[in-house]
Amino acid sequence: MIGEKMIYIPKTSPKVYVSSILALNILSPDGTGDWHSSMYWGHPERNNKIDLWIFGEGQKFNTNYLIGDLGIIDGTSRLNEMGYFPENTPVWIAEHPRAMVDIMFSTVLQTGPIDTIILDDWFPSLEDKEKVYRILNVMENKLNSTQRERLEQWKLRNPLME
């Protein structure tokens, strides 16, 4: 196919999926995510650290025990619409709210600075932000006390308002 772009994505499933910043760079019908999408996907050297964007069972980062497969979808058609046709299909991805929660868990809720993840940067409307909060609410009671405290600090800096 002319104009077809290849990108290596390992085999995925609802339990092992594309997440983090790479998932936020997959176009969404909601208009959320990162505006760098074409730039990010067009440069393999920017996404070659698979352990930073493949999440789930047996991976460096796993939030499945906190939120199951909530927000994990077959994203193959979205990638195809962007001109990418991975050899391993289907490609399971985190929708943008889940990808944001995965980033939160892997950075802010561990040891990262509270102010590095700003909800408004990726989610323009109140409705979009509420989707992220709904997932955070599912996992909140399963976090340890330090993680819950860090999440509360983050929420104070990222309130639900337009």
N, C-alpha and C. Protein backbone atom coordinates (compact mmCIF):
# COMPACT_ATOMS: atom_id res chain seq x y z
N MET A 1 0.83 -1.18 0.00
CA MET A 1 0.00 0.00 0.00
C MET A 1 0.87 1.25 0.00
N ILE A 2 0.61 2.19 -0.86
CA ILE A 2 1.37 3.43 -0.90
C ILE A 2 1.00 4.28 0.31
N GLY A 3 1.99 4.87 0.96
CA GLY A 3 1.75 5.72 2.12
C GLY A 3 1.61 4.94 3.42
N GLU A 4 1.68 3.62 3.33
CA GLU A 4 1.58 2.79 4.51
C GLU A 4 2.86 2.91 5.33
N LYS A 5 2.72 3.05 6.63
CA LYS A 5 3.87 3.17 7.52
C LYS A 5 3.87 1.97 8.46
N MET A 6 5.02 1.40 8.66
CA MET A 6 5.13 0.26 9.57
C MET A 6 5.72 0.73 10.89
N ILE A 7 5.26 0.13 11.94
CA ILE A 7 5.82 0.37 13.26
C ILE A 7 5.76 -0.95 14.00
N TYR A 8 6.82 -1.24 14.74
CA TYR A 8 6.82 -2.50 15.48
C TYR A 8 6.08 -2.32 16.79
N ILE A 9 5.06 -3.14 16.96
CA ILE A 9 4.34 -3.24 18.22
C ILE A 9 4.29 -4.72 18.54
N PRO A 10 4.78 -5.12 19.70
CA PRO A 10 4.74 -6.55 20.03
C PRO A 10 3.30 -7.03 20.15
N LYS A 11 3.12 -8.33 20.24
CA LYS A 11 1.78 -8.88 20.41
C LYS A 11 1.17 -8.30 21.68
N THR A 12 -0.09 -7.91 21.57
CA THR A 12 -0.80 -7.32 22.70
C THR A 12 -2.08 -8.11 22.96
N SER A 13 -2.70 -7.79 24.09
CA SER A 13 -3.96 -8.42 24.49
C SER A 13 -4.65 -7.45 25.45
N PRO A 14 -5.86 -7.76 25.88
CA PRO A 14 -6.48 -6.88 26.89
C PRO A 14 -5.70 -6.83 28.21
N LYS A 15 -4.78 -7.76 28.41
CA LYS A 15 -3.98 -7.78 29.64
C LYS A 15 -2.57 -7.22 29.46
N VAL A 16 -2.12 -7.08 28.21
CA VAL A 16 -0.81 -6.51 27.87
C VAL A 16 -1.05 -5.60 26.67
N TYR A 17 -0.88 -4.30 26.87
CA TYR A 17 -1.40 -3.34 25.91
C TYR A 17 -0.51 -2.11 25.79
N VAL A 18 -0.73 -1.33 24.73
CA VAL A 18 -0.04 -0.06 24.51
C VAL A 18 -0.66 0.99 25.42
N SER A 19 0.16 1.71 26.16
CA SER A 19 -0.35 2.74 27.06
C SER A 19 0.63 3.91 27.12
N SER A 20 0.50 4.69 28.16
CA SER A 20 1.37 5.82 28.45
C SER A 20 1.33 6.85 27.32
N ILE A 21 2.44 7.54 27.10
CA ILE A 21 2.47 8.63 26.12
C ILE A 21 2.23 8.13 24.70
N LEU A 22 2.63 6.90 24.40
CA LEU A 22 2.40 6.39 23.06
C LEU A 22 0.90 6.24 22.79
N ALA A 23 0.14 5.74 23.77
CA ALA A 23 -1.31 5.62 23.61
C ALA A 23 -1.96 7.00 23.49
N LEU A 24 -1.44 7.97 24.23
CA LEU A 24 -1.98 9.33 24.13
C LEU A 24 -1.69 9.96 22.78
N ASN A 25 -0.81 9.36 22.02
CA ASN A 25 -0.48 9.84 20.68
C ASN A 25 -1.20 9.07 19.58
N ILE A 26 -2.14 8.23 19.95
CA ILE A 26 -3.02 7.58 18.99
C ILE A 26 -4.28 8.42 18.91
N LEU A 27 -4.64 8.80 17.71
CA LEU A 27 -5.79 9.67 17.53
C LEU A 27 -7.04 9.07 18.16
N SER A 28 -7.84 9.93 18.78
CA SER A 28 -9.07 9.51 19.44
C SER A 28 -10.25 10.28 18.87
N PRO A 29 -11.39 9.64 18.73
CA PRO A 29 -12.57 10.36 18.25
C PRO A 29 -13.03 11.45 19.23
N ASP A 30 -12.56 11.38 20.48
CA ASP A 30 -12.93 12.39 21.48
C ASP A 30 -12.13 13.67 21.35
N GLY A 31 -11.06 13.65 20.56
CA GLY A 31 -10.24 14.85 20.42
C GLY A 31 -9.32 15.08 21.61
N THR A 32 -9.12 14.08 22.43
CA THR A 32 -8.21 14.19 23.57
C THR A 32 -6.84 13.69 23.15
N GLY A 33 -5.89 13.78 24.04
CA GLY A 33 -4.57 13.23 23.78
C GLY A 33 -3.55 14.29 23.45
N ASP A 34 -2.47 13.83 22.86
CA ASP A 34 -1.31 14.67 22.62
C ASP A 34 -1.27 15.12 21.16
N TRP A 35 -1.02 16.37 20.93
CA TRP A 35 -0.97 16.92 19.58
C TRP A 35 0.28 16.51 18.83
N HIS A 36 1.20 15.84 19.46
CA HIS A 36 2.43 15.40 18.80
C HIS A 36 2.25 14.08 18.05
N SER A 37 1.03 13.59 17.91
CA SER A 37 0.82 12.22 17.44
C SER A 37 1.60 11.85 16.19
N SER A 38 1.50 12.62 15.14
CA SER A 38 2.21 12.22 13.93
C SER A 38 3.72 12.30 14.10
N MET A 39 4.19 13.27 14.83
CA MET A 39 5.62 13.40 15.06
C MET A 39 6.13 12.22 15.90
N TYR A 40 5.40 11.86 16.93
CA TYR A 40 5.84 10.80 17.82
C TYR A 40 5.87 9.45 17.11
N TRP A 41 4.83 9.12 16.38
CA TRP A 41 4.76 7.84 15.71
C TRP A 41 5.68 7.79 14.50
N GLY A 42 6.01 8.92 13.93
CA GLY A 42 6.84 8.95 12.74
C GLY A 42 8.33 8.79 13.00
N HIS A 43 8.73 8.70 14.25
CA HIS A 43 10.14 8.59 14.60
C HIS A 43 10.35 7.42 15.54
N PRO A 44 10.71 6.25 15.01
CA PRO A 44 10.87 5.06 15.84
C PRO A 44 11.83 5.25 17.01
N GLU A 45 12.82 6.11 16.87
CA GLU A 45 13.77 6.30 17.98
C GLU A 45 13.09 6.90 19.21
N ARG A 46 11.94 7.53 19.03
CA ARG A 46 11.21 8.12 20.16
C ARG A 46 10.35 7.10 20.88
N ASN A 47 10.05 5.99 20.24
CA ASN A 47 9.17 5.02 20.89
C ASN A 47 9.78 3.64 20.98
N ASN A 48 11.11 3.56 21.01
CA ASN A 48 11.77 2.25 21.03
C ASN A 48 11.95 1.67 22.43
N LYS A 49 11.54 2.36 23.45
CA LYS A 49 11.67 1.84 24.81
C LYS A 49 10.36 1.18 25.20
N ILE A 50 10.18 -0.03 24.70
CA ILE A 50 8.92 -0.74 24.85
C ILE A 50 8.48 -0.84 26.30
N ASP A 51 9.42 -0.99 27.24
CA ASP A 51 9.03 -1.14 28.64
C ASP A 51 8.37 0.12 29.21
N LEU A 52 8.45 1.22 28.50
CA LEU A 52 7.81 2.46 28.95
C LEU A 52 6.42 2.65 28.38
N TRP A 53 6.04 1.86 27.38
CA TRP A 53 4.71 2.03 26.80
C TRP A 53 3.91 0.76 26.61
N ILE A 54 4.48 -0.38 26.93
CA ILE A 54 3.70 -1.62 26.99
C ILE A 54 3.45 -1.90 28.47
N PHE A 55 2.19 -1.86 28.85
CA PHE A 55 1.78 -2.05 30.24
C PHE A 55 1.04 -3.37 30.39
N GLY A 56 0.93 -3.85 31.61
CA GLY A 56 0.10 -5.01 31.91
C GLY A 56 0.88 -6.15 32.54
N GLU A 57 0.27 -7.31 32.49
CA GLU A 57 0.84 -8.48 33.15
C GLU A 57 2.23 -8.80 32.65
N GLY A 58 3.16 -8.96 33.59
CA GLY A 58 4.53 -9.31 33.26
C GLY A 58 5.37 -8.15 32.75
N GLN A 59 4.82 -6.94 32.77
CA GLN A 59 5.53 -5.76 32.27
C GLN A 59 6.08 -4.93 33.43
N LYS A 60 6.93 -3.99 33.11
CA LYS A 60 7.50 -3.10 34.12
C LYS A 60 6.40 -2.37 34.89
N PHE A 61 5.36 -1.94 34.18
CA PHE A 61 4.24 -1.25 34.82
C PHE A 61 2.96 -2.04 34.57
N ASN A 62 2.19 -2.23 35.64
CA ASN A 62 0.96 -3.02 35.56
C ASN A 62 -0.08 -2.41 36.50
N THR A 63 -1.17 -1.94 35.93
CA THR A 63 -2.27 -1.42 36.76
C THR A 63 -3.48 -2.35 36.70
N ASN A 64 -3.34 -3.50 36.05
CA ASN A 64 -4.47 -4.41 35.91
C ASN A 64 -5.03 -4.85 37.26
N TYR A 65 -4.19 -5.05 38.25
CA TYR A 65 -4.67 -5.49 39.56
C TYR A 65 -5.48 -4.39 40.26
N LEU A 66 -5.37 -3.17 39.77
CA LEU A 66 -6.13 -2.06 40.34
C LEU A 66 -7.41 -1.76 39.57
N ILE A 67 -7.36 -1.90 38.23
CA ILE A 67 -8.52 -1.49 37.43
C ILE A 67 -8.88 -2.47 36.32
N GLY A 68 -8.31 -3.66 36.35
CA GLY A 68 -8.66 -4.67 35.35
C GLY A 68 -8.38 -4.20 33.94
N ASP A 69 -9.32 -4.49 33.04
CA ASP A 69 -9.14 -4.09 31.64
C ASP A 69 -10.00 -2.86 31.29
N LEU A 70 -10.37 -2.11 32.28
CA LEU A 70 -11.16 -0.89 32.08
C LEU A 70 -10.42 0.07 31.15
N GLY A 71 -11.06 0.45 30.05
CA GLY A 71 -10.46 1.40 29.12
C GLY A 71 -9.46 0.80 28.15
N ILE A 72 -9.41 -0.53 28.05
CA ILE A 72 -8.52 -1.18 27.09
C ILE A 72 -9.39 -1.59 25.90
N ILE A 73 -8.99 -1.17 24.70
CA ILE A 73 -9.77 -1.45 23.49
C ILE A 73 -8.87 -1.96 22.38
N ASP A 74 -9.49 -2.53 21.36
CA ASP A 74 -8.77 -2.88 20.14
C ASP A 74 -8.58 -1.59 19.36
N GLY A 75 -7.36 -1.12 19.29
CA GLY A 75 -7.06 0.16 18.63
C GLY A 75 -6.52 0.02 17.22
N THR A 76 -6.63 -1.18 16.65
CA THR A 76 -6.08 -1.42 15.33
C THR A 76 -6.62 -0.44 14.29
N SER A 77 -7.93 -0.22 14.29
CA SER A 77 -8.51 0.67 13.27
C SER A 77 -8.03 2.11 13.45
N ARG A 78 -7.81 2.54 14.68
CA ARG A 78 -7.30 3.89 14.91
C ARG A 78 -5.89 4.04 14.33
N LEU A 79 -5.07 3.02 14.54
CA LEU A 79 -3.72 3.05 13.97
C LEU A 79 -3.78 3.03 12.46
N ASN A 80 -4.66 2.20 11.91
CA ASN A 80 -4.81 2.14 10.45
C ASN A 80 -5.23 3.48 9.89
N GLU A 81 -6.13 4.19 10.58
CA GLU A 81 -6.56 5.52 10.13
C GLU A 81 -5.40 6.51 10.12
N MET A 82 -4.41 6.27 10.98
CA MET A 82 -3.23 7.13 11.03
C MET A 82 -2.19 6.71 9.99
N GLY A 83 -2.47 5.60 9.29
CA GLY A 83 -1.54 5.12 8.27
C GLY A 83 -0.58 4.06 8.76
N TYR A 84 -0.82 3.50 9.95
CA TYR A 84 0.05 2.47 10.52
C TYR A 84 -0.65 1.12 10.47
N PHE A 85 0.09 0.12 10.01
CA PHE A 85 -0.46 -1.22 9.85
C PHE A 85 0.48 -2.22 10.51
N PRO A 86 0.42 -2.33 11.84
CA PRO A 86 1.32 -3.24 12.55
C PRO A 86 1.11 -4.69 12.13
N GLU A 87 2.18 -5.47 12.17
CA GLU A 87 2.08 -6.87 11.77
C GLU A 87 1.36 -7.69 12.83
N ASN A 88 1.47 -7.32 14.09
CA ASN A 88 0.80 -8.04 15.17
C ASN A 88 -0.54 -7.38 15.47
N THR A 89 -1.61 -8.00 15.02
CA THR A 89 -2.94 -7.46 15.27
C THR A 89 -3.80 -8.54 15.92
N PRO A 90 -4.81 -8.14 16.65
CA PRO A 90 -5.20 -6.77 16.94
C PRO A 90 -4.19 -6.10 17.86
N VAL A 91 -4.22 -4.78 17.86
CA VAL A 91 -3.38 -3.99 18.76
C VAL A 91 -4.27 -3.45 19.87
N TRP A 92 -4.06 -3.96 21.05
CA TRP A 92 -4.83 -3.52 22.21
C TRP A 92 -4.17 -2.28 22.79
N ILE A 93 -4.97 -1.26 23.02
CA ILE A 93 -4.45 0.02 23.51
C ILE A 93 -5.29 0.52 24.68
N ALA A 94 -4.68 1.39 25.45
CA ALA A 94 -5.41 2.11 26.49
C ALA A 94 -6.05 3.33 25.84
N GLU A 95 -7.36 3.48 26.04
CA GLU A 95 -7.99 4.72 25.61
C GLU A 95 -7.34 5.84 26.43
N HIS A 96 -7.49 7.06 25.98
CA HIS A 96 -6.78 8.17 26.61
C HIS A 96 -6.98 8.29 28.12
N PRO A 97 -8.20 8.17 28.65
CA PRO A 97 -8.31 8.26 30.12
C PRO A 97 -7.51 7.17 30.83
N ARG A 98 -7.53 5.95 30.32
CA ARG A 98 -6.77 4.86 30.94
C ARG A 98 -5.27 5.13 30.80
N ALA A 99 -4.84 5.60 29.63
CA ALA A 99 -3.42 5.91 29.45
C ALA A 99 -2.96 6.96 30.45
N MET A 100 -3.81 7.96 30.70
CA MET A 100 -3.46 8.99 31.68
C MET A 100 -3.34 8.40 33.08
N VAL A 101 -4.26 7.52 33.44
CA VAL A 101 -4.19 6.88 34.75
C VAL A 101 -2.94 6.01 34.85
N ASP A 102 -2.61 5.30 33.78
CA ASP A 102 -1.38 4.50 33.79
C ASP A 102 -0.15 5.37 33.98
N ILE A 103 -0.12 6.52 33.32
CA ILE A 103 1.01 7.44 33.50
C ILE A 103 1.03 7.94 34.94
N MET A 104 -0.14 8.28 35.46
CA MET A 104 -0.21 8.74 36.85
C MET A 104 0.37 7.69 37.79
N PHE A 105 -0.05 6.44 37.59
CA PHE A 105 0.41 5.38 38.47
C PHE A 105 1.91 5.18 38.36
N SER A 106 2.44 5.20 37.15
CA SER A 106 3.86 4.89 36.96
C SER A 106 4.79 6.04 37.33
N THR A 107 4.26 7.24 37.47
CA THR A 107 5.11 8.38 37.81
C THR A 107 4.64 9.04 39.11
N VAL A 108 3.62 9.81 39.04
CA VAL A 108 3.18 10.63 40.17
C VAL A 108 2.89 9.80 41.42
N LEU A 109 2.20 8.69 41.28
CA LEU A 109 1.82 7.92 42.47
C LEU A 109 2.97 7.11 43.04
N GLN A 110 4.08 7.04 42.34
CA GLN A 110 5.25 6.34 42.85
C GLN A 110 6.17 7.37 43.54
N THR A 111 6.99 8.04 42.76
CA THR A 111 7.94 8.97 43.35
C THR A 111 8.08 10.26 42.57
N GLY A 112 7.38 10.37 41.45
CA GLY A 112 7.54 11.54 40.59
C GLY A 112 6.92 12.80 41.16
N PRO A 113 7.32 13.94 40.64
CA PRO A 113 6.73 15.21 41.09
C PRO A 113 5.24 15.26 40.79
N ILE A 114 4.48 15.79 41.71
CA ILE A 114 3.02 15.87 41.59
C ILE A 114 2.61 16.70 40.38
N ASP A 115 3.36 17.73 40.07
CA ASP A 115 2.94 18.67 39.03
C ASP A 115 3.44 18.32 37.62
N THR A 116 3.96 17.12 37.40
CA THR A 116 4.44 16.78 36.06
C THR A 116 3.32 16.33 35.12
N ILE A 117 2.24 15.84 35.66
CA ILE A 117 1.10 15.39 34.85
C ILE A 117 -0.05 16.36 35.09
N ILE A 118 -0.36 17.14 34.06
CA ILE A 118 -1.41 18.16 34.17
C ILE A 118 -2.58 17.74 33.29
N LEU A 119 -3.71 17.50 33.91
CA LEU A 119 -4.89 16.98 33.23
C LEU A 119 -5.32 17.86 32.05
N ASP A 120 -5.26 19.16 32.21
CA ASP A 120 -5.68 20.08 31.15
C ASP A 120 -4.84 19.95 29.88
N ASP A 121 -3.63 19.45 30.00
CA ASP A 121 -2.77 19.31 28.83
C ASP A 121 -3.32 18.31 27.80
N TRP A 122 -4.07 17.32 28.25
CA TRP A 122 -4.56 16.27 27.36
C TRP A 122 -6.08 16.18 27.28
N PHE A 123 -6.77 16.76 28.24
CA PHE A 123 -8.22 16.62 28.32
C PHE A 123 -8.88 17.99 28.42
N PRO A 124 -9.36 18.51 27.28
CA PRO A 124 -9.84 19.88 27.23
C PRO A 124 -11.19 20.14 27.91
N SER A 125 -12.10 19.17 27.92
CA SER A 125 -13.43 19.44 28.46
C SER A 125 -13.63 18.78 29.82
N LEU A 126 -14.61 19.28 30.53
CA LEU A 126 -14.96 18.72 31.83
C LEU A 126 -15.36 17.25 31.68
N GLU A 127 -16.12 16.94 30.64
CA GLU A 127 -16.54 15.56 30.40
C GLU A 127 -15.34 14.64 30.21
N ASP A 128 -14.32 15.10 29.49
CA ASP A 128 -13.11 14.31 29.28
C ASP A 128 -12.37 14.08 30.60
N LYS A 129 -12.28 15.12 31.40
CA LYS A 129 -11.60 15.00 32.70
C LYS A 129 -12.34 14.04 33.63
N GLU A 130 -13.67 14.08 33.56
CA GLU A 130 -14.47 13.20 34.41
C GLU A 130 -14.20 11.73 34.10
N LYS A 131 -13.91 11.41 32.84
CA LYS A 131 -13.58 10.04 32.46
C LYS A 131 -12.31 9.57 33.16
N VAL A 132 -11.33 10.46 33.27
CA VAL A 132 -10.09 10.13 33.98
C VAL A 132 -10.40 9.93 35.46
N TYR A 133 -11.15 10.83 36.05
CA TYR A 133 -11.50 10.74 37.46
C TYR A 133 -12.27 9.47 37.78
N ARG A 134 -13.15 9.04 36.86
CA ARG A 134 -13.91 7.80 37.10
C ARG A 134 -12.97 6.60 37.25
N ILE A 135 -11.94 6.55 36.42
CA ILE A 135 -10.98 5.45 36.53
C ILE A 135 -10.15 5.59 37.81
N LEU A 136 -9.75 6.81 38.12
CA LEU A 136 -9.01 7.03 39.37
C LEU A 136 -9.83 6.60 40.58
N ASN A 137 -11.13 6.87 40.54
CA ASN A 137 -12.01 6.49 41.66
C ASN A 137 -12.09 4.98 41.82
N VAL A 138 -12.03 4.23 40.72
CA VAL A 138 -12.06 2.77 40.79
C VAL A 138 -10.83 2.24 41.51
N MET A 139 -9.68 2.85 41.26
CA MET A 139 -8.43 2.33 41.82
C MET A 139 -8.07 2.91 43.18
N GLU A 140 -8.64 4.03 43.53
CA GLU A 140 -8.21 4.78 44.72
C GLU A 140 -8.16 3.95 45.99
N ASN A 141 -9.20 3.17 46.27
CA ASN A 141 -9.24 2.38 47.51
C ASN A 141 -8.26 1.23 47.53
N LYS A 142 -7.69 0.90 46.37
CA LYS A 142 -6.73 -0.20 46.27
C LYS A 142 -5.28 0.27 46.39
N LEU A 143 -5.08 1.59 46.44
CA LEU A 143 -3.74 2.15 46.56
C LEU A 143 -3.26 2.08 48.00
N ASN A 144 -1.95 2.09 48.18
CA ASN A 144 -1.44 2.16 49.54
C ASN A 144 -1.58 3.60 50.04
N SER A 145 -1.33 3.82 51.31
CA SER A 145 -1.59 5.14 51.91
C SER A 145 -0.74 6.24 51.27
N THR A 146 0.50 5.96 50.94
CA THR A 146 1.35 6.97 50.29
C THR A 146 0.81 7.33 48.91
N GLN A 147 0.42 6.33 48.15
CA GLN A 147 -0.13 6.58 46.82
C GLN A 147 -1.44 7.36 46.91
N ARG A 148 -2.30 7.02 47.87
CA ARG A 148 -3.57 7.76 48.03
C ARG A 148 -3.30 9.22 48.38
N GLU A 149 -2.32 9.45 49.24
CA GLU A 149 -1.96 10.81 49.62
C GLU A 149 -1.44 11.59 48.42
N ARG A 150 -0.61 10.98 47.63
CA ARG A 150 -0.08 11.63 46.43
C ARG A 150 -1.20 11.91 45.42
N LEU A 151 -2.14 10.98 45.29
CA LEU A 151 -3.28 11.18 44.40
C LEU A 151 -4.12 12.37 44.87
N GLU A 152 -4.35 12.47 46.15
CA GLU A 152 -5.12 13.61 46.68
C GLU A 152 -4.41 14.94 46.41
N GLN A 153 -3.10 14.96 46.56
CA GLN A 153 -2.34 16.16 46.24
C GLN A 153 -2.47 16.50 44.76
N TRP A 154 -2.41 15.48 43.91
CA TRP A 154 -2.55 15.69 42.47
C TRP A 154 -3.93 16.24 42.14
N LYS A 155 -4.97 15.68 42.76
CA LYS A 155 -6.34 16.14 42.50
C LYS A 155 -6.51 17.60 42.88
N LEU A 156 -5.88 18.04 43.94
CA LEU A 156 -5.95 19.45 44.34
C LEU A 156 -5.38 20.36 43.26
N ARG A 157 -4.37 19.89 42.55
CA ARG A 157 -3.75 20.67 41.47
C ARG A 157 -4.46 20.48 40.13
N ASN A 158 -5.32 19.47 40.05
CA ASN A 158 -6.03 19.15 38.81
C ASN A 158 -7.52 18.94 39.10
N PRO A 159 -8.19 19.98 39.57
CA PRO A 159 -9.60 19.83 39.93
C PRO A 159 -10.50 19.66 38.71
N LEU A 160 -11.67 19.12 38.95
CA LEU A 160 -12.65 18.94 37.90
C LEU A 160 -13.37 20.27 37.64
N MET A 161 -12.86 21.01 36.71
CA MET A 161 -13.50 22.25 36.28
C MET A 161 -12.98 22.61 34.90
N GLU A 162 -13.76 23.39 34.15
CA GLU A 162 -13.32 23.77 32.81
C GLU A 162 -12.54 25.05 32.87
